[in-house]
Every structure is written in structure tokens, then in C-alpha cells.
Amino acid sequence: RRLLDLFAVGQGDISVVALVRRKDRIL
């Protein structure tokens, strides 16, 4: 599922500042 779905769970109180996938860091 998309990160947007996580934002909905957090009800606007969560910020995903980075995502680490194996050796990649996506800011």
C-alpha cells in the first residue's frame, strides 16, 4: 500500500522523513 495510507492512519500527526529500503535511503 502507499505511504499516503499511513498518513491517513496517523491522522496528520506523522511525518515520514525517510525510508530505508535495503541499501537505499530515500529522504
PDB file of all heavy atoms in Angstrom:
ATOM      1  N   ARG A   1       0.837  -1.195   0.000  1.00  0.00           N
ATOM      2  CA  ARG A   1       0.000   0.000   0.000  1.00  0.00           C
ATOM      3  C   ARG A   1       0.883   1.261   0.000  1.00  0.00           C
ATOM      4  O   ARG A   1       2.081   1.210   0.238  1.00  0.00           O
ATOM      5  CB  ARG A   1      -0.925  -0.006   1.212  1.00  0.00           C
ATOM      6  CG  ARG A   1      -1.883  -1.201   1.205  1.00  0.00           C
ATOM      7  CD  ARG A   1      -2.821  -1.214   2.390  1.00  0.00           C
ATOM      8  NE  ARG A   1      -3.770  -0.109   2.360  1.00  0.00           N
ATOM      9  CZ  ARG A   1      -4.786   0.015   3.224  1.00  0.00           C
ATOM     10  NH1 ARG A   1      -4.983  -0.906   4.148  1.00  0.00           N
ATOM     11  NH2 ARG A   1      -5.608   1.054   3.145  1.00  0.00           N
ATOM     12  N   ARG A   2       0.261   2.413  -0.278  1.00  0.00           N
ATOM     13  CA  ARG A   2       1.021   3.658  -0.417  1.00  0.00           C
ATOM     14  C   ARG A   2       1.290   4.291   0.947  1.00  0.00           C
ATOM     15  O   ARG A   2       0.584   4.035   1.912  1.00  0.00           O
ATOM     16  CB  ARG A   2       0.245   4.647  -1.296  1.00  0.00           C
ATOM     17  CG  ARG A   2      -0.071   4.140  -2.696  1.00  0.00           C
ATOM     18  CD  ARG A   2      -0.940   5.139  -3.447  1.00  0.00           C
ATOM     19  NE  ARG A   2      -2.183   5.422  -2.723  1.00  0.00           N
ATOM     20  CZ  ARG A   2      -3.075   6.353  -3.070  1.00  0.00           C
ATOM     21  NH1 ARG A   2      -2.832   7.093  -4.149  1.00  0.00           N
ATOM     22  NH2 ARG A   2      -4.156   6.547  -2.371  1.00  0.00           N
ATOM     23  N   LEU A   3       2.320   5.128   0.960  1.00  0.00           N
ATOM     24  CA  LEU A   3       2.602   5.874   2.186  1.00  0.00           C
ATOM     25  C   LEU A   3       1.432   6.762   2.577  1.00  0.00           C
ATOM     26  O   LEU A   3       1.213   7.045   3.758  1.00  0.00           O
ATOM     27  CB  LEU A   3       3.855   6.736   2.002  1.00  0.00           C
ATOM     28  CG  LEU A   3       5.214   6.045   2.184  1.00  0.00           C
ATOM     29  CD1 LEU A   3       6.334   7.022   1.907  1.00  0.00           C
ATOM     30  CD2 LEU A   3       5.345   5.497   3.596  1.00  0.00           C
ATOM     31  N   LEU A   4       0.686   7.239   1.569  1.00  0.00           N
ATOM     32  CA  LEU A   4      -0.483   8.063   1.858  1.00  0.00           C
ATOM     33  C   LEU A   4      -1.451   7.357   2.799  1.00  0.00           C
ATOM     34  O   LEU A   4      -2.113   8.003   3.620  1.00  0.00           O
ATOM     35  CB  LEU A   4      -1.211   8.423   0.554  1.00  0.00           C
ATOM     36  CG  LEU A   4      -0.560   9.497  -0.328  1.00  0.00           C
ATOM     37  CD1 LEU A   4      -1.314   9.626  -1.642  1.00  0.00           C
ATOM     38  CD2 LEU A   4      -0.533  10.839   0.395  1.00  0.00           C
ATOM     39  N   ASP A   5      -1.517   6.031   2.692  1.00  0.00           N
ATOM     40  CA  ASP A   5      -2.411   5.289   3.577  1.00  0.00           C
ATOM     41  C   ASP A   5      -1.911   5.332   5.022  1.00  0.00           C
ATOM     42  O   ASP A   5      -2.711   5.345   5.965  1.00  0.00           O
ATOM     43  CB  ASP A   5      -2.529   3.837   3.095  1.00  0.00           C
ATOM     44  CG  ASP A   5      -3.125   3.736   1.688  1.00  0.00           C
ATOM     45  OD1 ASP A   5      -4.050   4.521   1.405  1.00  0.00           O
ATOM     46  OD2 ASP A   5      -2.649   2.919   0.889  1.00  0.00           O
ATOM     47  N   LEU A   6      -0.573   5.376   5.190  1.00  0.00           N
ATOM     48  CA  LEU A   6      -0.031   5.519   6.538  1.00  0.00           C
ATOM     49  C   LEU A   6      -0.330   6.904   7.111  1.00  0.00           C
ATOM     50  O   LEU A   6      -0.610   7.054   8.293  1.00  0.00           O
ATOM     51  CB  LEU A   6       1.483   5.297   6.535  1.00  0.00           C
ATOM     52  CG  LEU A   6       1.989   3.849   6.523  1.00  0.00           C
ATOM     53  CD1 LEU A   6       3.502   3.840   6.653  1.00  0.00           C
ATOM     54  CD2 LEU A   6       1.353   3.024   7.627  1.00  0.00           C
ATOM     55  N   PHE A   7      -0.257   7.919   6.232  1.00  0.00           N
ATOM     56  CA  PHE A   7      -0.576   9.276   6.682  1.00  0.00           C
ATOM     57  C   PHE A   7      -2.011   9.323   7.202  1.00  0.00           C
ATOM     58  O   PHE A   7      -2.308  10.007   8.189  1.00  0.00           O
ATOM     59  CB  PHE A   7      -0.407  10.285   5.549  1.00  0.00           C
ATOM     60  CG  PHE A   7       0.995  10.390   5.011  1.00  0.00           C
ATOM     61  CD1 PHE A   7       1.224  10.803   3.711  1.00  0.00           C
ATOM     62  CD2 PHE A   7       2.076  10.074   5.808  1.00  0.00           C
ATOM     63  CE1 PHE A   7       2.510  10.899   3.218  1.00  0.00           C
ATOM     64  CE2 PHE A   7       3.375  10.167   5.328  1.00  0.00           C
ATOM     65  CZ  PHE A   7       3.590  10.569   4.022  1.00  0.00           C
ATOM     66  N   ALA A   8      -2.897   8.603   6.542  1.00  0.00           N
ATOM     67  CA  ALA A   8      -4.302   8.583   6.972  1.00  0.00           C
ATOM     68  C   ALA A   8      -4.433   7.938   8.344  1.00  0.00           C
ATOM     69  O   ALA A   8      -5.196   8.392   9.194  1.00  0.00           O
ATOM     70  CB  ALA A   8      -5.153   7.834   5.946  1.00  0.00           C
ATOM     71  N   VAL A   9      -3.648   6.890   8.575  1.00  0.00           N
ATOM     72  CA  VAL A   9      -3.673   6.241   9.886  1.00  0.00           C
ATOM     73  C   VAL A   9      -3.182   7.208  10.959  1.00  0.00           C
ATOM     74  O   VAL A   9      -3.728   7.292  12.057  1.00  0.00           O
ATOM     75  CB  VAL A   9      -2.793   4.971   9.872  1.00  0.00           C
ATOM     76  CG1 VAL A   9      -2.682   4.392  11.288  1.00  0.00           C
ATOM     77  CG2 VAL A   9      -3.376   3.937   8.922  1.00  0.00           C
ATOM     78  N   GLY A  10      -2.143   7.960  10.630  1.00  0.00           N
ATOM     79  CA  GLY A  10      -1.577   8.905  11.589  1.00  0.00           C
ATOM     80  C   GLY A  10      -2.417  10.132  11.809  1.00  0.00           C
ATOM     81  O   GLY A  10      -2.132  10.927  12.721  1.00  0.00           O
ATOM     82  N   GLN A  11      -3.459  10.330  10.991  1.00  0.00           N
ATOM     83  CA  GLN A  11      -4.384  11.467  11.133  1.00  0.00           C
ATOM     84  C   GLN A  11      -3.643  12.809  11.159  1.00  0.00           C
ATOM     85  O   GLN A  11      -3.967  13.708  11.916  1.00  0.00           O
ATOM     86  CB  GLN A  11      -5.228  11.308  12.400  1.00  0.00           C
ATOM     87  CG  GLN A  11      -6.090  10.069  12.390  1.00  0.00           C
ATOM     88  CD  GLN A  11      -6.873   9.897  13.677  1.00  0.00           C
ATOM     89  OE1 GLN A  11      -6.933  10.792  14.509  1.00  0.00           O
ATOM     90  NE2 GLN A  11      -7.492   8.738  13.853  1.00  0.00           N
ATOM     91  N   GLY A  12      -2.622  12.910  10.303  1.00  0.00           N
ATOM     92  CA  GLY A  12      -1.894  14.173  10.179  1.00  0.00           C
ATOM     93  C   GLY A  12      -0.843  14.406  11.233  1.00  0.00           C
ATOM     94  O   GLY A  12      -0.188  15.449  11.243  1.00  0.00           O
ATOM     95  N   ASP A  13      -0.622  13.435  12.141  1.00  0.00           N
ATOM     96  CA  ASP A  13       0.353  13.609  13.218  1.00  0.00           C
ATOM     97  C   ASP A  13       1.638  12.829  12.968  1.00  0.00           C
ATOM     98  O   ASP A  13       2.462  12.675  13.868  1.00  0.00           O
ATOM     99  CB  ASP A  13      -0.253  13.150  14.550  1.00  0.00           C
ATOM    100  CG  ASP A  13      -1.418  14.033  14.973  1.00  0.00           C
ATOM    101  OD1 ASP A  13      -1.329  15.249  14.750  1.00  0.00           O
ATOM    102  OD2 ASP A  13      -2.409  13.498  15.501  1.00  0.00           O
ATOM    103  N   ILE A  14       1.827  12.320  11.742  1.00  0.00           N
ATOM    104  CA  ILE A  14       3.018  11.541  11.414  1.00  0.00           C
ATOM    105  C   ILE A  14       3.673  12.129  10.172  1.00  0.00           C
ATOM    106  O   ILE A  14       3.002  12.469   9.195  1.00  0.00           O
ATOM    107  CB  ILE A  14       2.663  10.058  11.157  1.00  0.00           C
ATOM    108  CG1 ILE A  14       2.304   9.369  12.476  1.00  0.00           C
ATOM    109  CG2 ILE A  14       3.810   9.322  10.481  1.00  0.00           C
ATOM    110  CD1 ILE A  14       1.903   7.931  12.314  1.00  0.00           C
ATOM    111  N   SER A  15       4.996  12.266  10.227  1.00  0.00           N
ATOM    112  CA  SER A  15       5.775  12.643   9.046  1.00  0.00           C
ATOM    113  C   SER A  15       6.786  11.537   8.773  1.00  0.00           C
ATOM    114  O   SER A  15       7.538  11.144   9.672  1.00  0.00           O
ATOM    115  CB  SER A  15       6.518  13.966   9.270  1.00  0.00           C
ATOM    116  OG  SER A  15       5.620  15.037   9.375  1.00  0.00           O
ATOM    117  N   VAL A  16       6.795  11.002   7.559  1.00  0.00           N
ATOM    118  CA  VAL A  16       7.796  10.019   7.151  1.00  0.00           C
ATOM    119  C   VAL A  16       8.948  10.803   6.532  1.00  0.00           C
ATOM    120  O   VAL A  16       8.877  11.245   5.389  1.00  0.00           O
ATOM    121  CB  VAL A  16       7.220   8.999   6.143  1.00  0.00           C
ATOM    122  CG1 VAL A  16       8.298   7.987   5.745  1.00  0.00           C
ATOM    123  CG2 VAL A  16       6.023   8.281   6.735  1.00  0.00           C
ATOM    124  N   VAL A  17      10.003  11.002   7.301  1.00  0.00           N
ATOM    125  CA  VAL A  17      11.103  11.856   6.846  1.00  0.00           C
ATOM    126  C   VAL A  17      12.102  11.079   5.996  1.00  0.00           C
ATOM    127  O   VAL A  17      12.881  11.677   5.243  1.00  0.00           O
ATOM    128  CB  VAL A  17      11.813  12.530   8.034  1.00  0.00           C
ATOM    129  CG1 VAL A  17      10.859  13.452   8.757  1.00  0.00           C
ATOM    130  CG2 VAL A  17      12.395  11.505   8.998  1.00  0.00           C
ATOM    131  N   ALA A  18      12.095   9.760   6.100  1.00  0.00           N
ATOM    132  CA  ALA A  18      12.991   8.949   5.261  1.00  0.00           C
ATOM    133  C   ALA A  18      12.482   7.518   5.243  1.00  0.00           C
ATOM    134  O   ALA A  18      11.753   7.077   6.145  1.00  0.00           O
ATOM    135  CB  ALA A  18      14.422   8.998   5.767  1.00  0.00           C
ATOM    136  N   LEU A  19      12.862   6.795   4.214  1.00  0.00           N
ATOM    137  CA  LEU A  19      12.533   5.370   4.092  1.00  0.00           C
ATOM    138  C   LEU A  19      13.809   4.649   3.672  1.00  0.00           C
ATOM    139  O   LEU A  19      14.461   5.025   2.679  1.00  0.00           O
ATOM    140  CB  LEU A  19      11.413   5.153   3.076  1.00  0.00           C
ATOM    141  CG  LEU A  19      10.887   3.721   2.903  1.00  0.00           C
ATOM    142  CD1 LEU A  19       9.405   3.741   2.534  1.00  0.00           C
ATOM    143  CD2 LEU A  19      11.656   2.967   1.825  1.00  0.00           C
ATOM    144  N   VAL A  20      14.180   3.641   4.457  1.00  0.00           N
ATOM    145  CA  VAL A  20      15.384   2.845   4.154  1.00  0.00           C
ATOM    146  C   VAL A  20      14.932   1.512   3.573  1.00  0.00           C
ATOM    147  O   VAL A  20      14.203   0.753   4.228  1.00  0.00           O
ATOM    148  CB  VAL A  20      16.243   2.629   5.414  1.00  0.00           C
ATOM    149  CG1 VAL A  20      17.482   1.800   5.062  1.00  0.00           C
ATOM    150  CG2 VAL A  20      16.643   3.962   6.028  1.00  0.00           C
ATOM    151  N   ARG A  21      15.365   1.242   2.352  1.00  0.00           N
ATOM    152  CA  ARG A  21      14.999   0.004   1.652  1.00  0.00           C
ATOM    153  C   ARG A  21      16.294  -0.686   1.214  1.00  0.00           C
ATOM    154  O   ARG A  21      16.983  -0.208   0.320  1.00  0.00           O
ATOM    155  CB  ARG A  21      14.107   0.307   0.451  1.00  0.00           C
ATOM    156  CG  ARG A  21      13.676  -0.918  -0.343  1.00  0.00           C
ATOM    157  CD  ARG A  21      12.604  -0.548  -1.359  1.00  0.00           C
ATOM    158  NE  ARG A  21      11.339  -0.201  -0.699  1.00  0.00           N
ATOM    159  CZ  ARG A  21      10.302   0.353  -1.313  1.00  0.00           C
ATOM    160  NH1 ARG A  21      10.389   0.669  -2.607  1.00  0.00           N
ATOM    161  NH2 ARG A  21       9.193   0.631  -0.635  1.00  0.00           N
ATOM    162  N   ARG A  22      16.613  -1.746   1.936  1.00  0.00           N
ATOM    163  CA  ARG A  22      17.893  -2.426   1.729  1.00  0.00           C
ATOM    164  C   ARG A  22      19.048  -1.435   1.904  1.00  0.00           C
ATOM    165  O   ARG A  22      19.222  -0.892   2.975  1.00  0.00           O
ATOM    166  CB  ARG A  22      17.906  -3.143   0.367  1.00  0.00           C
ATOM    167  CG  ARG A  22      16.907  -4.351   0.338  1.00  0.00           C
ATOM    168  CD  ARG A  22      16.887  -5.027  -1.007  1.00  0.00           C
ATOM    169  NE  ARG A  22      16.209  -4.226  -2.024  1.00  0.00           N
ATOM    170  CZ  ARG A  22      14.894  -4.206  -2.183  1.00  0.00           C
ATOM    171  NH1 ARG A  22      14.114  -4.926  -1.408  1.00  0.00           N
ATOM    172  NH2 ARG A  22      14.348  -3.474  -3.122  1.00  0.00           N
ATOM    173  N   LYS A  23      19.801  -1.136   0.845  1.00  0.00           N
ATOM    174  CA  LYS A  23      20.936  -0.218   0.977  1.00  0.00           C
ATOM    175  C   LYS A  23      20.587   1.217   0.584  1.00  0.00           C
ATOM    176  O   LYS A  23      21.446   2.091   0.624  1.00  0.00           O
ATOM    177  CB  LYS A  23      22.105  -0.713   0.126  1.00  0.00           C
ATOM    178  CG  LYS A  23      22.686  -2.051   0.581  1.00  0.00           C
ATOM    179  CD  LYS A  23      23.886  -2.430  -0.282  1.00  0.00           C
ATOM    180  CE  LYS A  23      24.471  -3.750   0.193  1.00  0.00           C
ATOM    181  NZ  LYS A  23      25.655  -4.155  -0.627  1.00  0.00           N
ATOM    182  N   ASP A  24      19.357   1.438   0.195  1.00  0.00           N
ATOM    183  CA  ASP A  24      18.951   2.767  -0.274  1.00  0.00           C
ATOM    184  C   ASP A  24      18.236   3.536   0.840  1.00  0.00           C
ATOM    185  O   ASP A  24      17.400   2.977   1.554  1.00  0.00           O
ATOM    186  CB  ASP A  24      18.019   2.649  -1.482  1.00  0.00           C
ATOM    187  CG  ASP A  24      18.704   2.016  -2.679  1.00  0.00           C
ATOM    188  OD1 ASP A  24      19.919   2.239  -2.814  1.00  0.00           O
ATOM    189  OD2 ASP A  24      18.039   1.294  -3.448  1.00  0.00           O
ATOM    190  N   ARG A  25      18.585   4.810   0.959  1.00  0.00           N
ATOM    191  CA  ARG A  25      17.893   5.710   1.892  1.00  0.00           C
ATOM    192  C   ARG A  25      17.167   6.762   1.061  1.00  0.00           C
ATOM    193  O   ARG A  25      17.806   7.553   0.356  1.00  0.00           O
ATOM    194  CB  ARG A  25      18.870   6.381   2.848  1.00  0.00           C
ATOM    195  CG  ARG A  25      18.207   7.344   3.846  1.00  0.00           C
ATOM    196  CD  ARG A  25      19.268   8.038   4.693  1.00  0.00           C
ATOM    197  NE  ARG A  25      19.900   7.105   5.592  1.00  0.00           N
ATOM    198  CZ  ARG A  25      19.524   6.904   6.853  1.00  0.00           C
ATOM    199  NH1 ARG A  25      18.509   7.586   7.355  1.00  0.00           N
ATOM    200  NH2 ARG A  25      20.149   6.046   7.619  1.00  0.00           N
ATOM    201  N   ILE A  26      15.837   6.781   1.128  1.00  0.00           N
ATOM    202  CA  ILE A  26      15.014   7.718   0.367  1.00  0.00           C
ATOM    203  C   ILE A  26      14.505   8.791   1.323  1.00  0.00           C
ATOM    204  O   ILE A  26      13.691   8.503   2.205  1.00  0.00           O
ATOM    205  CB  ILE A  26      13.826   6.993  -0.310  1.00  0.00           C
ATOM    206  CG1 ILE A  26      14.319   5.824  -1.149  1.00  0.00           C
ATOM    207  CG2 ILE A  26      13.014   7.970  -1.155  1.00  0.00           C
ATOM    208  CD1 ILE A  26      13.210   4.914  -1.651  1.00  0.00           C
ATOM    209  N   LEU A  27      15.018  10.003   1.158  1.00  0.00           N
ATOM    210  CA  LEU A  27      14.609  11.096   2.035  1.00  0.00           C
ATOM    211  C   LEU A  27      13.339  11.761   1.509  1.00  0.00           C
ATOM    212  O   LEU A  27      13.156  11.883   0.291  1.00  0.00           O
ATOM    213  CB  LEU A  27      15.724  12.134   2.143  1.00  0.00           C
ATOM    214  CG  LEU A  27      17.052  11.654   2.751  1.00  0.00           C
ATOM    215  CD1 LEU A  27      18.052  12.785   2.786  1.00  0.00           C
ATOM    216  CD2 LEU A  27      16.840  11.085   4.145  1.00  0.00           C
TER     217      LEU A  27
END
